[in-house]
Amino acid sequence: MLFLNTENSNHKNRSECSLKRQAKHSNAISARTASSLTSPLLFLSVFLLNCSMVYAGSMKGTAHDLASKGFGMGENCIICHTPHNSDISVTLTPLWSHEPSSSTFNMYFTEDANTSTRPTGASKLCLSCHDGVSAIDRFGGRTTGKFLSDNTRKNSSNVQSDSHPVSITFDSAMAAENPSLYDPAATTITIGAGSGKTRTGTIDELLLSNGKIQCNSCHDVHNNVVGPDGKDQPFLKITKARSEICLTCHNK
């Protein structure tokens, strides 16, 4: 009996060792698989889902369906992003492809915020097409190409002087000094529209970029489900009806 028990014990130990080796092998495979997820294409896909801030939408049929308008050599994504040879000087967004705007802008003046700085962050990336002087096809080393139509272009020196200020800090301190503003850290809002196409959070979480108002505070470059496309409600995160988008931040 002692012999049989010892044999059973040895068999049990061998089984446990085998299971441990299998688990270790499985973990190694999982680690290699996770490592493969850092490939540029998948990283870009994950980024595009996150930066939409609302949902995984589609640009097809919208004003940003530029491939259907003759831009981007038949592709949409490559106008702004590339899986290879990206502009690593642009750190706000990964795998950036488009040539940044080099224009100097006259900023909108307001005493409530410091507007002396030039556009930064997401706003500067938007202006790489919307500055009035940069071609949409200026990506991948190209220096010339087609421009936006006249109704979406302005003189580069004034493109920001008559628009809502961007690249300015909007925080609790500003709201405390100005009661006509909601506290971005404490005010809950909902962006998007339609079933499964909304997201709820604070102003700071859903509208601000690193604590600043930028073009993407109001606009979602990848989605356009709030109202019709075009100049009515172009890529807005919140509807203009009853001035809802304005009253999201402005306490009036």
Protein backbone atom coordinates (compact mmCIF):
# COMPACT_ATOMS: atom_id res chain seq x y z
CA MET A 1 0.00 0.00 0.00
CA LEU A 2 2.84 2.37 0.80
CA PHE A 3 4.33 1.71 -2.63
CA LEU A 4 1.02 2.41 -4.35
CA ASN A 5 0.50 5.62 -2.41
CA THR A 6 3.97 6.84 -3.30
CA GLU A 7 3.37 6.04 -6.95
CA ASN A 8 0.06 7.93 -6.85
CA SER A 9 1.78 10.86 -5.20
CA ASN A 10 4.50 10.92 -7.86
CA HIS A 11 1.89 10.74 -10.59
CA LYS A 12 0.02 13.64 -8.99
CA ASN A 13 3.20 15.71 -8.82
CA ARG A 14 4.00 15.00 -12.46
CA SER A 15 0.48 16.04 -13.43
CA GLU A 16 0.77 19.27 -11.49
CA CYS A 17 4.11 20.05 -13.15
CA SER A 18 2.61 19.35 -16.55
CA LEU A 19 -0.30 21.69 -15.87
CA LYS A 20 2.10 24.41 -14.72
CA ARG A 21 4.15 24.05 -17.91
CA GLN A 22 0.98 24.26 -20.01
CA ALA A 23 -0.16 27.37 -18.15
CA LYS A 24 3.27 28.97 -18.57
CA HIS A 25 3.22 28.17 -22.29
CA SER A 26 -0.29 29.58 -22.62
CA ASN A 27 0.74 32.79 -20.84
CA ALA A 28 3.72 33.15 -23.17
CA ILE A 29 1.42 32.84 -26.19
CA SER A 30 -0.94 35.40 -24.68
CA ALA A 31 1.95 37.79 -24.12
CA ARG A 32 3.09 37.41 -27.75
CA THR A 33 -0.47 37.95 -28.93
CA ALA A 34 -0.81 41.09 -26.81
CA SER A 35 2.48 42.35 -28.18
CA SER A 36 1.19 41.91 -31.73
CA LEU A 37 -1.72 44.21 -30.91
CA THR A 38 0.67 47.16 -30.94
CA SER A 39 0.95 47.01 -34.71
CA PRO A 40 0.45 50.42 -36.36
CA LEU A 41 -2.76 49.50 -38.16
CA LEU A 42 -4.48 48.13 -35.06
CA PHE A 43 -3.19 51.03 -32.96
CA LEU A 44 -4.69 53.42 -35.51
CA SER A 45 -8.01 51.56 -35.43
CA VAL A 46 -8.20 51.74 -31.65
CA PHE A 47 -7.29 55.43 -31.73
CA LEU A 48 -9.98 56.24 -34.28
CA LEU A 49 -12.58 54.53 -32.13
CA ASN A 50 -11.50 56.46 -29.05
CA CYS A 51 -11.07 59.85 -30.63
CA SER A 52 -14.61 59.80 -31.99
CA MET A 53 -15.60 60.18 -28.31
CA VAL A 54 -19.13 59.04 -29.07
CA TYR A 55 -19.28 55.77 -30.98
CA ALA A 56 -17.80 53.89 -33.89
CA GLY A 57 -19.39 55.80 -36.74
CA SER A 58 -18.78 56.23 -40.42
CA MET A 59 -17.70 59.15 -42.57
CA LYS A 60 -19.34 57.64 -45.65
CA GLY A 61 -21.71 60.09 -47.25
CA THR A 62 -20.63 63.00 -45.02
CA ALA A 63 -18.66 66.13 -45.87
CA HIS A 64 -15.55 64.29 -44.70
CA ASP A 65 -16.09 61.51 -47.22
CA LEU A 66 -13.33 63.19 -49.19
CA ALA A 67 -12.49 60.18 -51.32
CA SER A 68 -15.89 60.48 -53.02
CA LYS A 69 -15.00 64.09 -53.85
CA GLY A 70 -11.76 63.25 -55.60
CA PHE A 71 -9.33 63.66 -52.70
CA GLY A 72 -6.95 61.17 -51.12
CA MET A 73 -6.43 59.02 -54.21
CA GLY A 74 -9.68 57.23 -53.46
CA GLU A 75 -9.03 56.79 -49.72
CA ASN A 76 -10.32 58.78 -46.75
CA CYS A 77 -8.10 57.82 -43.82
CA ILE A 78 -4.74 58.47 -45.49
CA ILE A 79 -5.46 62.18 -45.76
CA CYS A 80 -4.91 62.50 -42.02
CA HIS A 81 -3.39 59.17 -40.91
CA THR A 82 -0.89 56.64 -42.17
CA PRO A 83 0.19 53.21 -40.89
CA HIS A 84 3.80 53.92 -41.91
CA ASN A 85 6.20 56.86 -42.03
CA SER A 86 4.01 59.12 -39.90
CA ASP A 87 4.90 62.61 -38.70
CA ILE A 88 6.29 61.86 -35.24
CA SER A 89 6.50 65.57 -34.42
CA VAL A 90 2.71 65.51 -34.02
CA THR A 91 2.20 64.01 -30.58
CA LEU A 92 -1.49 64.80 -30.00
CA THR A 93 -2.68 62.03 -32.27
CA PRO A 94 -0.84 58.93 -33.49
CA LEU A 95 0.20 58.18 -37.03
CA TRP A 96 -0.46 61.68 -38.37
CA SER A 97 0.05 62.10 -42.12
CA HIS A 98 -1.14 65.55 -43.22
CA GLU A 99 1.20 68.51 -43.51
CA PRO A 100 0.47 70.85 -40.55
CA SER A 101 -0.66 74.39 -41.25
CA SER A 102 2.11 76.98 -41.16
CA SER A 103 -0.27 79.95 -41.23
CA THR A 104 -0.32 82.72 -38.63
CA PHE A 105 -3.80 83.42 -37.28
CA ASN A 106 -5.50 86.48 -35.83
CA MET A 107 -7.39 85.14 -32.83
CA TYR A 108 -10.83 86.14 -31.59
CA PHE A 109 -10.51 88.58 -28.69
CA THR A 110 -12.32 88.14 -25.39
CA GLU A 111 -11.56 89.54 -21.96
CA ASP A 112 -12.84 86.33 -20.33
CA ALA A 113 -10.02 84.15 -21.63
CA ASN A 114 -6.43 84.42 -22.75
CA THR A 115 -6.64 84.27 -26.53
CA SER A 116 -3.13 85.50 -27.22
CA THR A 117 -1.88 82.03 -28.05
CA ARG A 118 -2.09 80.62 -31.55
CA PRO A 119 -4.15 77.51 -32.27
CA THR A 120 -2.69 74.38 -30.73
CA GLY A 121 -3.61 70.73 -30.37
CA ALA A 122 -6.58 69.39 -32.29
CA SER A 123 -7.46 72.86 -33.60
CA LYS A 124 -4.14 73.18 -35.40
CA LEU A 125 -4.65 69.75 -36.95
CA CYS A 126 -8.08 70.79 -38.24
CA LEU A 127 -6.58 73.97 -39.67
CA SER A 128 -4.15 71.93 -41.74
CA CYS A 129 -7.07 71.72 -44.18
CA HIS A 130 -9.36 74.53 -42.98
CA ASP A 131 -6.82 77.37 -42.86
CA GLY A 132 -7.73 78.56 -46.35
CA VAL A 133 -4.30 78.12 -47.88
CA SER A 134 -3.37 74.46 -47.34
CA ALA A 135 -4.41 71.82 -49.83
CA ILE A 136 -6.29 68.74 -48.64
CA ASP A 137 -3.89 66.55 -50.62
CA ARG A 138 -0.83 67.81 -48.72
CA PHE A 139 -0.01 64.48 -47.12
CA GLY A 140 2.60 61.79 -47.56
CA GLY A 141 5.19 64.31 -48.74
CA ARG A 142 2.92 66.04 -51.27
CA THR A 143 3.16 69.83 -51.27
CA THR A 144 0.35 70.74 -53.69
CA GLY A 145 -3.16 69.55 -54.37
CA LYS A 146 -6.84 70.45 -54.23
CA PHE A 147 -8.38 72.90 -51.79
CA LEU A 148 -11.62 72.98 -49.89
CA SER A 149 -14.53 74.66 -51.65
CA ASP A 150 -14.95 78.39 -51.03
CA ASN A 151 -17.78 77.98 -48.52
CA THR A 152 -15.49 76.10 -46.12
CA ARG A 153 -12.40 78.25 -46.62
CA LYS A 154 -11.47 81.66 -45.27
CA ASN A 155 -8.53 84.00 -45.50
CA SER A 156 -5.89 82.38 -43.32
CA SER A 157 -5.19 85.52 -41.32
CA ASN A 158 -8.82 85.86 -40.24
CA VAL A 159 -9.99 82.25 -40.08
CA GLN A 160 -9.96 82.37 -36.27
CA SER A 161 -10.69 86.04 -35.62
CA ASP A 162 -14.43 85.71 -36.17
CA SER A 163 -14.97 82.27 -34.63
CA HIS A 164 -15.41 80.93 -31.10
CA PRO A 165 -12.02 81.10 -29.34
CA VAL A 166 -10.04 77.87 -29.31
CA SER A 167 -6.92 76.63 -27.56
CA ILE A 168 -8.00 78.33 -24.34
CA THR A 169 -8.21 76.77 -20.89
CA PHE A 170 -11.71 76.15 -19.52
CA ASP A 171 -11.63 74.95 -15.94
CA SER A 172 -13.39 75.20 -12.58
CA ALA A 173 -11.45 78.35 -11.71
CA MET A 174 -12.76 80.16 -14.78
CA ALA A 175 -16.32 79.02 -14.02
CA ALA A 176 -15.98 80.24 -10.42
CA GLU A 177 -14.97 83.70 -11.67
CA ASN A 178 -17.69 83.80 -14.30
CA PRO A 179 -21.14 82.55 -13.16
CA SER A 180 -22.32 82.51 -16.77
CA LEU A 181 -20.21 79.38 -17.29
CA TYR A 182 -20.88 75.90 -15.97
CA ASP A 183 -18.16 74.11 -14.04
CA PRO A 184 -16.66 71.72 -16.64
CA ALA A 185 -15.52 69.27 -13.97
CA ALA A 186 -18.91 69.01 -12.25
CA THR A 187 -21.46 69.43 -15.06
CA THR A 188 -22.82 66.23 -16.62
CA ILE A 189 -23.81 66.29 -20.29
CA THR A 190 -24.75 63.89 -23.08
CA ILE A 191 -23.30 64.06 -26.57
CA GLY A 192 -24.35 62.32 -29.76
CA ALA A 193 -27.84 61.34 -30.88
CA GLY A 194 -29.79 58.18 -31.58
CA SER A 195 -29.94 54.73 -30.06
CA GLY A 196 -26.51 53.47 -29.03
CA LYS A 197 -24.85 56.62 -30.36
CA THR A 198 -24.60 58.76 -27.25
CA ARG A 199 -22.19 59.12 -24.38
CA THR A 200 -22.64 60.73 -20.98
CA GLY A 201 -19.97 62.36 -18.83
CA THR A 202 -18.69 65.75 -17.71
CA ILE A 203 -17.88 68.68 -19.97
CA ASP A 204 -14.23 68.14 -19.17
CA GLU A 205 -14.39 64.47 -20.17
CA LEU A 206 -16.39 64.81 -23.38
CA LEU A 207 -15.72 68.27 -24.79
CA LEU A 208 -12.31 69.45 -23.65
CA SER A 209 -8.92 68.37 -24.92
CA ASN A 210 -6.35 68.42 -22.13
CA GLY A 211 -8.52 70.96 -20.34
CA LYS A 212 -8.80 73.27 -23.34
CA ILE A 213 -11.53 74.27 -25.77
CA GLN A 214 -10.56 73.13 -29.25
CA CYS A 215 -12.34 72.57 -32.57
CA ASN A 216 -13.20 69.05 -31.42
CA SER A 217 -15.01 70.44 -28.38
CA CYS A 218 -18.02 71.08 -30.61
CA HIS A 219 -17.21 68.99 -33.66
CA ASP A 220 -16.61 65.25 -34.07
CA VAL A 221 -14.50 64.80 -37.18
CA HIS A 222 -15.48 61.15 -37.67
CA ASN A 223 -19.23 61.20 -36.96
CA ASN A 224 -22.19 63.28 -38.07
CA VAL A 225 -25.39 61.91 -36.56
CA VAL A 226 -26.53 65.09 -34.80
CA GLY A 227 -28.74 66.71 -37.40
CA PRO A 228 -28.24 66.76 -41.17
CA ASP A 229 -24.87 67.08 -42.82
CA GLY A 230 -23.63 70.33 -44.30
CA LYS A 231 -23.64 73.84 -42.86
CA ASP A 232 -26.72 73.23 -40.71
CA GLN A 233 -25.12 71.04 -38.02
CA PRO A 234 -21.72 69.99 -39.38
CA PHE A 235 -20.29 67.16 -37.30
CA LEU A 236 -21.67 68.64 -34.08
CA LYS A 237 -21.57 66.63 -30.87
CA ILE A 238 -24.71 68.35 -29.58
CA THR A 239 -27.66 69.75 -31.53
CA LYS A 240 -28.03 73.45 -32.28
CA ALA A 241 -31.78 73.21 -31.71
CA ARG A 242 -32.84 75.67 -28.98
CA SER A 243 -29.12 76.60 -28.77
CA GLU A 244 -28.51 73.41 -26.80
CA ILE A 245 -24.87 73.17 -27.83
CA CYS A 246 -24.21 76.73 -26.59
CA LEU A 247 -26.12 76.23 -23.36
CA THR A 248 -24.09 73.13 -22.57
CA CYS A 249 -21.26 75.34 -21.32
CA HIS A 250 -22.90 78.77 -21.08
CA ASN A 251 -25.28 79.24 -18.15
CA LYS A 252 -27.84 81.61 -19.65
